[in-house]
Amino acid sequence: MKIILSQDVGGIGKKYDVKEVSDGYARNFLFPKRLAEPATKQTLKLLEKRRVELSKDEAKAKMRLQKLARELNERHIEFTLKTGEDGSVYGSVTKEMILSAIRDHFATKDRIEIFLEHPIKKIGEQMVPVDLKKGIGAKLKIVVRAEE
């Protein structure tokens, strides 16, 4: 039986894929759990419309992420940490702090992954790789200053 997946199903395929499965599997598992629907002429036409809309949305999202990547590459974020008289740093700049600052400064709710092996615990500048998904990445300059 030909079906259209309504959600990602492990071992079968991803959302909106058209697959051939056994009748019993479709009727007894996929349809009751609303994981798939029968692939009729009408549903296949609707699927094509959805795919066109999704590709447009995907293109818009990619353009938005590319713009955000350009902004991240051009700007920097500053953090202030307490330091001792001997120059030792108290505290650190973590991934969560950087992510929060990105969300505040650039007003984005996109999923962002920051590659930081360990928290930043020294004064100065450091470039941090940022993955914006969909194959788009950026390098964000993090400036850490001593609190006066």
C-alpha atoms as a PDB file:
ATOM      1  CA  MET A   1       0.000   0.000   0.000  1.00  0.00           C
ATOM      2  CA  LYS A   2       1.277   3.483  -0.853  1.00  0.00           C
ATOM      3  CA  ILE A   3       1.234   5.972   2.018  1.00  0.00           C
ATOM      4  CA  ILE A   4       2.281   9.550   2.758  1.00  0.00           C
ATOM      5  CA  LEU A   5       4.037   9.971   6.092  1.00  0.00           C
ATOM      6  CA  SER A   6       2.574  12.673   8.338  1.00  0.00           C
ATOM      7  CA  GLN A   7       5.573  12.547  10.695  1.00  0.00           C
ATOM      8  CA  ASP A   8       9.103  11.152  10.726  1.00  0.00           C
ATOM      9  CA  VAL A   9       8.912   7.389  11.341  1.00  0.00           C
ATOM     10  CA  GLY A  10      12.111   5.533  12.240  1.00  0.00           C
ATOM     11  CA  GLY A  11      13.037   2.865   9.716  1.00  0.00           C
ATOM     12  CA  ILE A  12      10.413   4.074   7.221  1.00  0.00           C
ATOM     13  CA  GLY A  13      11.113   7.691   6.244  1.00  0.00           C
ATOM     14  CA  LYS A  14      10.684  11.375   6.924  1.00  0.00           C
ATOM     15  CA  LYS A  15       7.618  13.590   6.995  1.00  0.00           C
ATOM     16  CA  TYR A  16       5.895  13.919   3.575  1.00  0.00           C
ATOM     17  CA  ASP A  17       7.768  10.953   2.066  1.00  0.00           C
ATOM     18  CA  VAL A  18       5.698   8.642  -0.154  1.00  0.00           C
ATOM     19  CA  LYS A  19       6.451   5.030   0.779  1.00  0.00           C
ATOM     20  CA  GLU A  20       5.250   1.524   0.014  1.00  0.00           C
ATOM     21  CA  VAL A  21       4.393  -0.511   3.144  1.00  0.00           C
ATOM     22  CA  SER A  22       2.356  -3.613   3.872  1.00  0.00           C
ATOM     23  CA  ASP A  23      -1.403  -3.159   4.164  1.00  0.00           C
ATOM     24  CA  GLY A  24      -1.513  -4.510   7.735  1.00  0.00           C
ATOM     25  CA  TYR A  25       1.277  -2.210   8.955  1.00  0.00           C
ATOM     26  CA  ALA A  26      -0.478   0.800   7.448  1.00  0.00           C
ATOM     27  CA  ARG A  27      -3.975  -0.058   8.732  1.00  0.00           C
ATOM     28  CA  ASN A  28      -2.999  -1.384  12.157  1.00  0.00           C
ATOM     29  CA  PHE A  29      -0.131   0.905  13.133  1.00  0.00           C
ATOM     30  CA  LEU A  30       0.469   3.965  10.945  1.00  0.00           C
ATOM     31  CA  PHE A  31      -3.122   5.107  10.330  1.00  0.00           C
ATOM     32  CA  PRO A  32      -4.426   4.720  13.939  1.00  0.00           C
ATOM     33  CA  LYS A  33      -1.439   6.654  15.300  1.00  0.00           C
ATOM     34  CA  ARG A  34      -1.875   9.298  12.587  1.00  0.00           C
ATOM     35  CA  LEU A  35       1.681   8.750  11.372  1.00  0.00           C
ATOM     36  CA  ALA A  36       0.555   8.351   7.762  1.00  0.00           C
ATOM     37  CA  GLU A  37      -2.352   8.658   5.363  1.00  0.00           C
ATOM     38  CA  PRO A  38      -3.217   6.737   2.198  1.00  0.00           C
ATOM     39  CA  ALA A  39      -1.553   8.046  -0.972  1.00  0.00           C
ATOM     40  CA  THR A  40      -4.473   8.853  -3.263  1.00  0.00           C
ATOM     41  CA  LYS A  41      -4.454  11.165  -6.297  1.00  0.00           C
ATOM     42  CA  GLN A  42      -5.983  13.926  -4.191  1.00  0.00           C
ATOM     43  CA  THR A  43      -3.539  13.587  -1.281  1.00  0.00           C
ATOM     44  CA  LEU A  44      -0.594  13.444  -3.704  1.00  0.00           C
ATOM     45  CA  LYS A  45      -1.736  16.752  -5.260  1.00  0.00           C
ATOM     46  CA  LEU A  46      -1.995  18.296  -1.790  1.00  0.00           C
ATOM     47  CA  LEU A  47       1.454  16.945  -0.996  1.00  0.00           C
ATOM     48  CA  GLU A  48       2.924  18.727  -4.031  1.00  0.00           C
ATOM     49  CA  LYS A  49       1.349  22.010  -2.878  1.00  0.00           C
ATOM     50  CA  ARG A  50       2.805  21.484   0.624  1.00  0.00           C
ATOM     51  CA  ARG A  51       6.249  20.764  -0.816  1.00  0.00           C
ATOM     52  CA  VAL A  52       6.159  23.988  -2.871  1.00  0.00           C
ATOM     53  CA  GLU A  53       5.138  25.975   0.218  1.00  0.00           C
ATOM     54  CA  LEU A  54       7.812  24.262   2.306  1.00  0.00           C
ATOM     55  CA  SER A  55      10.511  25.028  -0.254  1.00  0.00           C
ATOM     56  CA  LYS A  56       9.485  28.714  -0.227  1.00  0.00           C
ATOM     57  CA  ASP A  57       9.545  28.761   3.582  1.00  0.00           C
ATOM     58  CA  GLU A  58      12.904  26.979   3.535  1.00  0.00           C
ATOM     59  CA  ALA A  59      14.345  29.591   1.163  1.00  0.00           C
ATOM     60  CA  LYS A  60      13.089  32.435   3.374  1.00  0.00           C
ATOM     61  CA  ALA A  61      14.561  30.789   6.474  1.00  0.00           C
ATOM     62  CA  LYS A  62      17.893  30.264   4.744  1.00  0.00           C
ATOM     63  CA  MET A  63      18.040  33.922   3.679  1.00  0.00           C
ATOM     64  CA  ARG A  64      17.220  35.014   7.245  1.00  0.00           C
ATOM     65  CA  LEU A  65      19.966  32.769   8.641  1.00  0.00           C
ATOM     66  CA  GLN A  66      22.497  34.060   6.086  1.00  0.00           C
ATOM     67  CA  LYS A  67      21.691  37.633   7.128  1.00  0.00           C
ATOM     68  CA  LEU A  68      22.126  36.668  10.791  1.00  0.00           C
ATOM     69  CA  ALA A  69      25.467  34.987   9.946  1.00  0.00           C
ATOM     70  CA  ARG A  70      26.711  38.193   8.279  1.00  0.00           C
ATOM     71  CA  GLU A  71      25.701  40.209  11.349  1.00  0.00           C
ATOM     72  CA  LEU A  72      27.418  37.752  13.706  1.00  0.00           C
ATOM     73  CA  ASN A  73      30.611  37.894  11.622  1.00  0.00           C
ATOM     74  CA  GLU A  74      30.657  41.715  11.603  1.00  0.00           C
ATOM     75  CA  ARG A  75      29.845  42.430  15.247  1.00  0.00           C
ATOM     76  CA  HIS A  76      31.080  41.349  18.653  1.00  0.00           C
ATOM     77  CA  ILE A  77      29.631  40.726  22.100  1.00  0.00           C
ATOM     78  CA  GLU A  78      31.300  42.013  25.255  1.00  0.00           C
ATOM     79  CA  PHE A  79      31.267  40.439  28.683  1.00  0.00           C
ATOM     80  CA  THR A  80      32.706  41.834  31.915  1.00  0.00           C
ATOM     81  CA  LEU A  81      34.252  39.530  34.509  1.00  0.00           C
ATOM     82  CA  LYS A  82      35.563  40.273  37.977  1.00  0.00           C
ATOM     83  CA  THR A  83      39.321  40.020  38.373  1.00  0.00           C
ATOM     84  CA  GLY A  84      41.601  39.876  41.341  1.00  0.00           C
ATOM     85  CA  GLU A  85      44.495  42.244  42.025  1.00  0.00           C
ATOM     86  CA  ASP A  86      46.894  39.677  40.606  1.00  0.00           C
ATOM     87  CA  GLY A  87      44.940  39.511  37.326  1.00  0.00           C
ATOM     88  CA  SER A  88      43.200  36.208  38.022  1.00  0.00           C
ATOM     89  CA  VAL A  89      39.655  35.970  36.677  1.00  0.00           C
ATOM     90  CA  TYR A  90      36.660  35.114  38.843  1.00  0.00           C
ATOM     91  CA  GLY A  91      33.888  33.446  36.861  1.00  0.00           C
ATOM     92  CA  SER A  92      33.673  32.580  33.186  1.00  0.00           C
ATOM     93  CA  VAL A  93      31.686  33.127  30.013  1.00  0.00           C
ATOM     94  CA  THR A  94      29.619  30.030  29.193  1.00  0.00           C
ATOM     95  CA  LYS A  95      27.745  28.825  26.106  1.00  0.00           C
ATOM     96  CA  GLU A  96      24.464  29.745  27.760  1.00  0.00           C
ATOM     97  CA  MET A  97      25.636  33.309  28.414  1.00  0.00           C
ATOM     98  CA  ILE A  98      26.737  33.689  24.786  1.00  0.00           C
ATOM     99  CA  LEU A  99      23.468  32.230  23.488  1.00  0.00           C
ATOM    100  CA  SER A 100      21.450  34.544  25.724  1.00  0.00           C
ATOM    101  CA  ALA A 101      23.464  37.554  24.516  1.00  0.00           C
ATOM    102  CA  ILE A 102      22.933  36.552  20.871  1.00  0.00           C
ATOM    103  CA  ARG A 103      19.196  36.286  21.450  1.00  0.00           C
ATOM    104  CA  ASP A 104      19.141  39.710  23.173  1.00  0.00           C
ATOM    105  CA  HIS A 105      21.404  41.564  20.687  1.00  0.00           C
ATOM    106  CA  PHE A 106      20.144  40.010  17.452  1.00  0.00           C
ATOM    107  CA  ALA A 107      16.502  39.288  18.411  1.00  0.00           C
ATOM    108  CA  THR A 108      16.444  35.754  17.046  1.00  0.00           C
ATOM    109  CA  LYS A 109      14.641  32.629  18.163  1.00  0.00           C
ATOM    110  CA  ASP A 110      16.379  30.338  15.681  1.00  0.00           C
ATOM    111  CA  ARG A 111      18.134  27.231  16.911  1.00  0.00           C
ATOM    112  CA  ILE A 112      21.773  28.090  17.333  1.00  0.00           C
ATOM    113  CA  GLU A 113      24.633  25.848  18.387  1.00  0.00           C
ATOM    114  CA  ILE A 114      27.758  27.358  19.889  1.00  0.00           C
ATOM    115  CA  PHE A 115      31.007  25.402  19.760  1.00  0.00           C
ATOM    116  CA  LEU A 116      32.908  26.157  22.938  1.00  0.00           C
ATOM    117  CA  GLU A 117      35.052  23.360  24.385  1.00  0.00           C
ATOM    118  CA  HIS A 118      35.160  24.959  27.820  1.00  0.00           C
ATOM    119  CA  PRO A 119      34.007  28.261  29.316  1.00  0.00           C
ATOM    120  CA  ILE A 120      36.120  31.343  28.560  1.00  0.00           C
ATOM    121  CA  LYS A 121      38.141  32.228  31.660  1.00  0.00           C
ATOM    122  CA  LYS A 122      40.581  34.838  30.403  1.00  0.00           C
ATOM    123  CA  ILE A 123      40.514  38.498  29.495  1.00  0.00           C
ATOM    124  CA  GLY A 124      40.776  39.338  25.788  1.00  0.00           C
ATOM    125  CA  GLU A 125      39.175  38.452  22.476  1.00  0.00           C
ATOM    126  CA  GLN A 126      38.205  35.029  21.235  1.00  0.00           C
ATOM    127  CA  MET A 127      36.466  33.857  18.055  1.00  0.00           C
ATOM    128  CA  VAL A 128      33.675  31.356  18.723  1.00  0.00           C
ATOM    129  CA  PRO A 129      32.200  29.192  15.923  1.00  0.00           C
ATOM    130  CA  VAL A 130      28.406  29.324  15.698  1.00  0.00           C
ATOM    131  CA  ASP A 131      26.245  26.877  13.734  1.00  0.00           C
ATOM    132  CA  LEU A 132      22.952  28.351  12.546  1.00  0.00           C
ATOM    133  CA  LYS A 133      21.738  25.052  10.980  1.00  0.00           C
ATOM    134  CA  LYS A 134      20.901  24.464   7.322  1.00  0.00           C
ATOM    135  CA  GLY A 135      24.625  24.456   6.552  1.00  0.00           C
ATOM    136  CA  ILE A 136      25.145  28.066   7.635  1.00  0.00           C
ATOM    137  CA  GLY A 137      27.808  29.002  10.134  1.00  0.00           C
ATOM    138  CA  ALA A 138      29.487  32.110  11.499  1.00  0.00           C
ATOM    139  CA  LYS A 139      32.352  33.206  13.720  1.00  0.00           C
ATOM    140  CA  LEU A 140      31.381  35.501  16.570  1.00  0.00           C
ATOM    141  CA  LYS A 141      33.979  37.647  18.327  1.00  0.00           C
ATOM    142  CA  ILE A 142      33.655  37.484  22.104  1.00  0.00           C
ATOM    143  CA  VAL A 143      35.409  40.267  24.019  1.00  0.00           C
ATOM    144  CA  VAL A 144      35.991  39.690  27.724  1.00  0.00           C
ATOM    145  CA  ARG A 145      36.962  42.757  29.779  1.00  0.00           C
ATOM    146  CA  ALA A 146      37.993  43.132  33.390  1.00  0.00           C
ATOM    147  CA  GLU A 147      35.486  44.750  35.712  1.00  0.00           C
ATOM    148  CA  GLU A 148      36.773  48.044  37.067  1.00  0.00           C
END
